[in-house]
Structures are given as C-alpha cells and as structure tokens.
C-alpha cells in the first residue's frame, strides 16, 4: 500500500472539524508518548471510547477510587489497600491514557465508572473513594446507583459554597467556588512565582511522579484543569437534584470524611453537611496536610478505607 505524502495529510487535517482535529492531534501525540509510558491497568471500552482502569488485590467490597487527579496519584494508598481488598483507580476521559471526549461532566464520569466496572467484570457493591471534585462524582454515583454502593470515603471535598448540596442552610450562598486544588504549602520554584502543580506530588514513588509529570505535559492539560474548576458548581447542582433534599441519603452506610484544618469560610458547615449524609459517619482531621491528603497523609486515607470496608463487611457502626 502506498503511503500518502505528508502534504496531503496536512491538507486533510485542515479540513476536519475543530473537535476532530483536536482528537487526532491528541491521539497522535499521546500514542507516540504512551509507548514510553504504558498503562498500569487496562483500557476499558465504555461506549465507543476507552478509559483507563487499574485494579489490584482481591476481596469484597471492592474499593473504587473515582478521582480527582490521576490513577497513579494514589500510589501511596492503593498498594496498601490491595492487601485487604480489591482496589481500582480510574482515569476519566481526556487524561493520562484515557481517550478524549468533547465535554467533561460529573454525569459523564459517573457513566464512565459504571460502564468500566461492568465491562471489566468488577462486582459490587463498592466502597467509593473521592477526592475534591471526585467526591462529587462519588456522591452522584451513590445517588444514581445506591444499591451498588456499600460505603464511601470523602477526601477533602471540593468546596463550592453556593449550593445546598455542599452547605447547610446557614452557609453563604453566593460565594465564588475556589479551585478544587489547593496551593502548595511552601513557596514555589515555578517561573514567576506561580504555584507549581507538581510540587505536592514529589512525595510519590519516583516512577509514579514521572507519570504525573508526563500526564501534566500532555496536550489539553490546562483546559482539563480549567474545566475541573468550572465543573464544581455544575456537579454540586447535579448532586442536589439527584438527592432531592433527602435526609441522610446514604442511610446507615459507613462514611468517613477526611478534612484539613483550612480556614476557608464556610468549610466547617461543609463538613457538617457531609457528615449528615449518613447516620453512620465519622470525621477525621488530617493534620500536617494540604489539599492532597492521599499524598501528604496516605496513612489516614488507608485507615479510613479499611474502617469503611470492615464496616460494610460486618454491618457495624464506625468507631469514634
């Protein structure tokens, strides 16, 4: 078969739609680069495209980490959890090895997780673990598929104080949503003094930190981060609509909420509202930690997951 000259390919590329051009460009670069960074897990079809799902260990209930961030950002947590049950980490469409999609949303991520688990034949019910924006994904999943959720661990929930889905009736209702990531605790070495998005992840094992740097270097990273910020109020509204103001929507399923000692206005009310999601809930303060508790204090995250798994297994109350 005769290959077409590069000139003709460029002309064809110019005639494609904007989204198709972007997809072709991302896939071309990602395909070449991914040869040096093979997936940790499997690429699972979720309806015409694939997302990355990395599962290790065995046991039930399986733990499913739904983000935010990359699957390998949980490298200080996942190996230890795999010692007592199966644990899967997921990369949503458009990041790391997962195929891109036109528009990201919490509903899309819930659909991806649900389809990936089903197609990978991972049996529920699950203990969901969500950090920041991922906590909203976990809550929306629990609202849509309640019978598939045995418990939940919330790791520093994204703060959006303009929605009753995240705040009590006494909370400010017009506050602007802060980004779902916190600035580094130490001065950054990034050019111009800008916060270095990689600094918090230097504690990861070397191979996983290199994967983090690689994923952040892929085309579309900046747009993905901006979209994460935009999604917080949207996802909050989705959760609010799905829960329909139900009292203790998680019933007595074990729920642990890990928080920091931040002084963001309204943060205390946010924690109270999260604890009220279940009659079997517990709060854990992550001292000496920034927003990324799974990196700064992985011991607390592992312990919380273990407690929720055991609570789900034995149908017992969490110890306080």
Protein backbone atom coordinates (compact mmCIF):
# COMPACT_ATOMS: atom_id res chain seq x y z
CA UNK A 1 0.00 0.00 0.00
CA UNK A 2 1.40 3.38 -0.97
CA UNK A 3 1.56 5.98 1.78
CA UNK A 4 0.15 9.41 1.05
CA UNK A 5 2.56 12.31 1.14
CA UNK A 6 2.62 14.28 4.36
CA UNK A 7 1.40 17.30 2.40
CA UNK A 8 -1.93 15.61 1.63
CA UNK A 9 -2.34 14.62 5.30
CA UNK A 10 -1.84 18.22 6.36
CA UNK A 11 -4.42 19.41 3.84
CA UNK A 12 -6.90 16.80 5.11
CA UNK A 13 -6.16 17.82 8.70
CA UNK A 14 -7.03 21.42 7.86
CA UNK A 15 -10.44 20.35 6.54
CA UNK A 16 -11.53 18.37 9.65
CA UNK A 17 -13.89 19.77 12.29
CA UNK A 18 -12.30 21.57 15.28
CA UNK A 19 -13.11 18.76 17.73
CA UNK A 20 -11.98 16.02 15.33
CA UNK A 21 -8.75 17.89 14.65
CA UNK A 22 -8.12 18.14 18.39
CA UNK A 23 -8.80 14.45 18.91
CA UNK A 24 -6.49 13.47 16.02
CA UNK A 25 -3.73 15.72 17.34
CA UNK A 26 -4.03 14.48 20.93
CA UNK A 27 -4.18 10.83 19.89
CA UNK A 28 -1.18 11.24 17.60
CA UNK A 29 0.98 12.77 20.32
CA UNK A 30 -0.35 10.53 23.09
CA UNK A 31 0.13 7.39 21.01
CA UNK A 32 3.78 8.18 20.40
CA UNK A 33 4.43 9.20 24.00
CA UNK A 34 2.43 6.34 25.54
CA UNK A 35 4.97 3.88 24.12
CA UNK A 36 7.35 5.13 26.80
CA UNK A 37 4.56 5.17 29.43
CA UNK A 38 2.45 2.01 29.05
CA UNK A 39 -0.84 1.88 31.02
CA UNK A 40 -0.66 0.50 34.53
CA UNK A 41 -4.02 -1.20 34.08
CA UNK A 42 -6.43 -1.85 31.24
CA UNK A 43 -8.18 0.40 28.74
CA UNK A 44 -11.87 -0.45 29.07
CA UNK A 45 -14.48 0.35 26.42
CA UNK A 46 -17.27 2.50 27.88
CA UNK A 47 -19.37 3.03 24.77
CA UNK A 48 -17.22 3.82 21.75
CA UNK A 49 -14.17 5.05 23.62
CA UNK A 50 -11.87 3.74 26.36
CA UNK A 51 -10.91 4.80 29.87
CA UNK A 52 -8.05 3.54 31.99
CA UNK A 53 -8.91 1.32 34.96
CA UNK A 54 -6.16 -0.02 37.22
CA UNK A 55 -7.25 -2.80 39.60
CA UNK A 56 -5.10 -4.75 42.06
CA UNK A 57 -5.75 -7.04 45.00
CA UNK A 58 -8.75 -9.21 45.75
CA UNK A 59 -11.67 -9.18 48.14
CA UNK A 60 -15.04 -7.60 48.69
CA UNK A 61 -16.32 -4.97 48.80
CA UNK A 62 -14.04 -3.63 46.09
CA UNK A 63 -12.76 -0.10 46.58
CA UNK A 64 -13.14 2.25 43.61
CA UNK A 65 -11.13 5.49 43.52
CA UNK A 66 -13.03 7.87 41.24
CA UNK A 67 -10.57 10.79 41.34
CA UNK A 68 -9.89 13.58 41.20
CA UNK A 69 -6.43 13.55 39.73
CA UNK A 70 -4.75 10.62 38.05
CA UNK A 71 -4.91 6.94 38.99
CA UNK A 72 -1.20 6.94 39.86
CA UNK A 73 -1.64 9.91 42.21
CA UNK A 74 -2.92 7.28 44.66
CA UNK A 75 0.33 5.28 44.57
CA UNK A 76 0.89 5.78 48.30
CA UNK A 77 -2.59 4.41 49.05
CA UNK A 78 -3.56 1.77 46.51
CA UNK A 79 -0.84 -0.84 47.23
CA UNK A 80 -1.69 -0.93 50.95
CA UNK A 81 -5.43 -1.14 50.31
CA UNK A 82 -4.82 -4.03 47.92
CA UNK A 83 -3.52 -6.04 50.89
CA UNK A 84 -7.04 -6.30 52.36
CA UNK A 85 -9.39 -5.96 49.36
CA UNK A 86 -9.57 -5.30 45.64
CA UNK A 87 -8.99 -1.66 44.71
CA UNK A 88 -9.42 0.07 41.37
CA UNK A 89 -8.30 3.55 40.33
CA UNK A 90 -9.75 5.30 37.29
CA UNK A 91 -8.62 8.00 34.86
CA UNK A 92 -11.53 9.91 33.39
CA UNK A 93 -11.73 10.58 29.66
CA UNK A 94 -9.18 13.05 28.34
CA UNK A 95 -6.39 12.44 30.86
CA UNK A 96 -3.43 10.04 31.00
CA UNK A 97 -4.20 7.01 28.81
CA UNK A 98 -7.97 7.55 28.57
CA UNK A 99 -9.47 8.63 25.25
CA UNK A 100 -10.73 12.23 24.95
CA UNK A 101 -14.38 13.29 24.88
CA UNK A 102 -15.92 16.62 23.77
CA UNK A 103 -17.18 17.89 27.17
CA UNK A 104 -16.36 16.63 30.64
CA UNK A 105 -19.01 16.50 33.38
CA UNK A 106 -19.71 14.66 36.62
CA UNK A 107 -22.56 12.77 34.95
CA UNK A 108 -20.17 11.64 32.23
CA UNK A 109 -17.63 10.46 34.80
CA UNK A 110 -20.32 8.54 36.70
CA UNK A 111 -21.33 6.87 33.44
CA UNK A 112 -17.70 6.03 32.65
CA UNK A 113 -17.05 4.49 36.07
CA UNK A 114 -20.28 2.49 35.96
CA UNK A 115 -19.60 1.15 32.46
CA UNK A 116 -15.91 0.48 33.13
CA UNK A 117 -16.65 -1.57 36.25
CA UNK A 118 -19.38 -3.51 34.48
CA UNK A 119 -17.30 -4.22 31.39
CA UNK A 120 -14.25 -5.12 33.47
CA UNK A 121 -16.47 -7.52 35.44
CA UNK A 122 -15.71 -5.90 38.80
CA UNK A 123 -18.53 -6.94 41.12
CA UNK A 124 -20.25 -4.59 43.55
CA UNK A 125 -21.35 -3.22 45.84
CA UNK A 126 -18.38 -0.87 46.06
CA UNK A 127 -16.71 1.43 48.56
CA UNK A 128 -16.24 4.67 46.67
CA UNK A 129 -13.31 6.98 47.38
CA UNK A 130 -13.44 10.53 46.04
CA UNK A 131 -11.04 13.40 46.50
CA UNK A 132 -12.01 17.04 45.85
CA UNK A 133 -14.12 17.06 42.66
CA UNK A 134 -14.01 13.25 42.77
CA UNK A 135 -16.05 13.39 45.99
CA UNK A 136 -18.88 14.95 43.98
CA UNK A 137 -18.51 12.19 41.39
CA UNK A 138 -18.73 9.60 44.18
CA UNK A 139 -21.82 11.24 45.67
CA UNK A 140 -23.55 11.46 42.30
CA UNK A 141 -22.73 7.82 41.63
CA UNK A 142 -24.24 6.87 45.02
CA UNK A 143 -27.36 8.88 44.21
CA UNK A 144 -27.83 7.17 40.84
CA UNK A 145 -26.74 3.65 41.81
CA UNK A 146 -27.49 3.41 45.54
CA UNK A 147 -27.62 -0.39 45.53
CA UNK A 148 -24.09 -0.54 44.11
CA UNK A 149 -22.53 1.47 46.95
CA UNK A 150 -21.58 -0.15 50.27
CA UNK A 151 -19.76 2.83 51.77
CA UNK A 152 -17.74 5.93 50.98
CA UNK A 153 -14.59 7.82 51.91
CA UNK A 154 -14.57 11.54 51.11
CA UNK A 155 -11.10 13.09 50.93
CA UNK A 156 -11.21 16.90 51.31
CA UNK A 157 -14.37 17.52 49.33
CA UNK A 158 -14.30 20.29 46.70
CA UNK A 159 -15.64 23.46 48.27
CA UNK A 160 -18.47 25.24 46.50
CA UNK A 161 -20.47 27.28 48.95
CA UNK A 162 -23.17 28.39 46.55
CA UNK A 163 -25.09 25.11 46.61
CA UNK A 164 -27.11 23.46 49.34
CA UNK A 165 -25.70 20.19 48.06
CA UNK A 166 -22.49 21.17 49.80
CA UNK A 167 -23.51 23.52 52.56
CA UNK A 168 -26.05 23.84 55.29
CA UNK A 169 -28.88 26.32 55.19
CA UNK A 170 -26.82 28.74 57.27
CA UNK A 171 -23.85 28.76 54.87
CA UNK A 172 -23.10 31.66 52.49
CA UNK A 173 -24.98 31.03 49.26
CA UNK A 174 -23.24 33.39 46.88
CA UNK A 175 -19.59 32.63 47.50
CA UNK A 176 -17.45 32.06 44.43
CA UNK A 177 -16.17 28.49 44.06
CA UNK A 178 -12.46 28.14 44.80
CA UNK A 179 -10.44 25.80 42.59
CA UNK A 180 -10.66 22.15 43.65
CA UNK A 181 -6.92 22.13 44.28
CA UNK A 182 -5.05 23.99 46.97
CA UNK A 183 -1.85 25.99 46.52
CA UNK A 184 1.41 24.45 47.73
CA UNK A 185 2.20 24.88 51.41
CA UNK A 186 5.73 26.08 50.59
CA UNK A 187 6.97 28.74 48.17
CA UNK A 188 7.01 27.51 44.60
CA UNK A 189 10.05 27.30 42.36
CA UNK A 190 7.90 27.72 39.27
CA UNK A 191 8.77 30.60 36.93
CA UNK A 192 7.35 33.94 38.01
CA UNK A 193 6.45 32.57 41.44
CA UNK A 194 3.35 30.78 40.10
CA UNK A 195 2.19 27.74 42.08
CA UNK A 196 3.87 24.58 40.84
CA UNK A 197 1.10 22.00 40.20
CA UNK A 198 3.62 19.17 40.53
CA UNK A 199 5.21 20.12 43.84
CA UNK A 200 2.68 18.35 46.08
CA UNK A 201 3.28 15.09 44.22
CA UNK A 202 7.05 14.90 44.72
CA UNK A 203 6.33 12.55 47.64
CA UNK A 204 5.09 9.87 45.24
CA UNK A 205 7.38 6.96 44.31
CA UNK A 206 9.73 8.08 41.56
CA UNK A 207 8.04 6.09 38.77
CA UNK A 208 4.59 7.46 39.68
CA UNK A 209 5.90 11.01 40.00
CA UNK A 210 7.35 10.71 36.49
CA UNK A 211 3.94 9.52 35.27
CA UNK A 212 2.38 12.56 36.93
CA UNK A 213 4.81 14.87 35.11
CA UNK A 214 4.15 13.04 31.84
CA UNK A 215 0.37 13.31 32.19
CA UNK A 216 0.61 17.02 33.02
CA UNK A 217 2.67 17.56 29.85
CA UNK A 218 0.03 16.09 27.53
CA UNK A 219 -1.98 18.40 25.23
CA UNK A 220 -5.15 19.67 26.83
CA UNK A 221 -3.86 19.67 30.42
CA UNK A 222 -4.62 23.37 31.02
CA UNK A 223 -8.12 23.02 29.59
CA UNK A 224 -8.73 19.98 31.78
CA UNK A 225 -7.72 21.88 34.92
CA UNK A 226 -9.90 24.85 33.97
CA UNK A 227 -12.82 22.53 33.26
CA UNK A 228 -12.40 20.96 36.71
CA UNK A 229 -12.96 24.36 38.31
CA UNK A 230 -15.98 25.06 36.11
CA UNK A 231 -17.49 21.68 36.96
CA UNK A 232 -17.65 22.21 40.74
CA UNK A 233 -20.86 24.30 40.76
CA UNK A 234 -22.33 22.21 37.93
CA UNK A 235 -21.65 18.95 39.77
CA UNK A 236 -22.99 20.43 43.00
CA UNK A 237 -26.26 21.19 41.23
CA UNK A 238 -26.36 17.67 39.78
CA UNK A 239 -25.91 16.14 43.23
CA UNK A 240 -28.50 18.44 44.74
CA UNK A 241 -31.04 17.50 42.08
CA UNK A 242 -30.32 13.79 42.44
CA UNK A 243 -30.65 13.78 46.24
CA UNK A 244 -33.83 15.89 46.26
CA UNK A 245 -33.17 17.12 49.81
CA UNK A 246 -33.34 13.61 51.28
CA UNK A 247 -32.29 13.35 54.91
CA UNK A 248 -29.29 11.00 55.37
CA UNK A 249 -29.37 9.80 51.74
CA UNK A 250 -26.68 7.19 52.49
CA UNK A 251 -28.85 5.71 55.26
CA UNK A 252 -26.53 3.85 57.68
CA UNK A 253 -23.79 3.02 55.18
CA UNK A 254 -20.33 3.75 56.60
CA UNK A 255 -18.99 7.16 55.59
CA UNK A 256 -15.71 8.75 56.63
CA UNK A 257 -14.96 12.38 55.80
CA UNK A 258 -11.30 13.38 55.81
CA UNK A 259 -10.72 17.10 56.16
CA UNK A 260 -7.90 19.58 56.66
CA UNK A 261 -7.57 22.44 59.14
CA UNK A 262 -8.16 25.06 56.47
CA UNK A 263 -9.83 28.33 57.44
CA UNK A 264 -11.79 28.78 54.20
CA UNK A 265 -15.10 30.49 55.09
CA UNK A 266 -17.94 28.00 55.20
CA UNK A 267 -15.65 24.98 55.37
CA UNK A 268 -16.95 23.92 58.80
CA UNK A 269 -20.55 23.99 57.57
CA UNK A 270 -19.48 21.91 54.57
CA UNK A 271 -18.06 19.22 56.84
CA UNK A 272 -21.23 19.11 58.94
CA UNK A 273 -23.39 18.71 55.85
CA UNK A 274 -21.19 15.87 54.59
CA UNK A 275 -21.35 14.03 57.91
CA UNK A 276 -25.15 14.31 57.79
CA UNK A 277 -25.24 12.25 54.57
CA UNK A 278 -25.19 9.07 56.68
CA UNK A 279 -26.28 8.08 60.16
CA UNK A 280 -23.04 6.09 60.33
CA UNK A 281 -20.45 8.78 59.64
CA UNK A 282 -17.15 9.88 61.11
CA UNK A 283 -14.86 12.87 60.64
CA UNK A 284 -11.06 12.60 60.53
CA UNK A 285 -8.83 15.68 60.70
CA UNK A 286 -5.69 15.37 58.57
CA UNK A 287 -3.11 17.35 60.47
CA UNK A 288 0.04 18.47 58.65
CA UNK A 289 -1.66 18.07 55.30
CA UNK A 290 -2.62 20.21 52.38
CA UNK A 291 -5.49 19.52 49.98
CA UNK A 292 -3.91 16.33 48.61
CA UNK A 293 -4.34 14.22 51.73
CA UNK A 294 -3.67 10.98 49.80
CA UNK A 295 -0.11 12.27 49.25
CA UNK A 296 0.51 14.19 52.48
CA UNK A 297 -1.18 11.73 54.85
CA UNK A 298 -1.75 8.45 52.99
CA UNK A 299 -1.82 6.64 56.34
CA UNK A 300 -5.08 8.36 57.24
CA UNK A 301 -6.65 7.59 53.87
CA UNK A 302 -5.66 3.91 54.10
CA UNK A 303 -7.01 3.67 57.63
CA UNK A 304 -10.29 5.33 56.63
CA UNK A 305 -10.75 2.98 53.69
CA UNK A 306 -10.03 -0.03 55.90
CA UNK A 307 -12.59 1.12 58.50
CA UNK A 308 -15.29 1.66 55.87
CA UNK A 309 -14.56 -1.69 54.18
CA UNK A 310 -14.78 -3.51 57.53
CA UNK A 311 -17.92 -1.59 58.46
CA UNK A 312 -19.52 -2.60 55.17
CA UNK A 313 -18.42 -6.22 55.57
CA UNK A 314 -19.78 -6.63 59.08
CA UNK A 315 -22.61 -4.04 59.00
CA UNK A 316 -21.21 -2.35 62.08
CA UNK A 317 -21.01 1.22 63.34
CA UNK A 318 -17.80 3.15 62.82
CA UNK A 319 -15.62 3.64 65.90
CA UNK A 320 -15.17 7.24 67.02
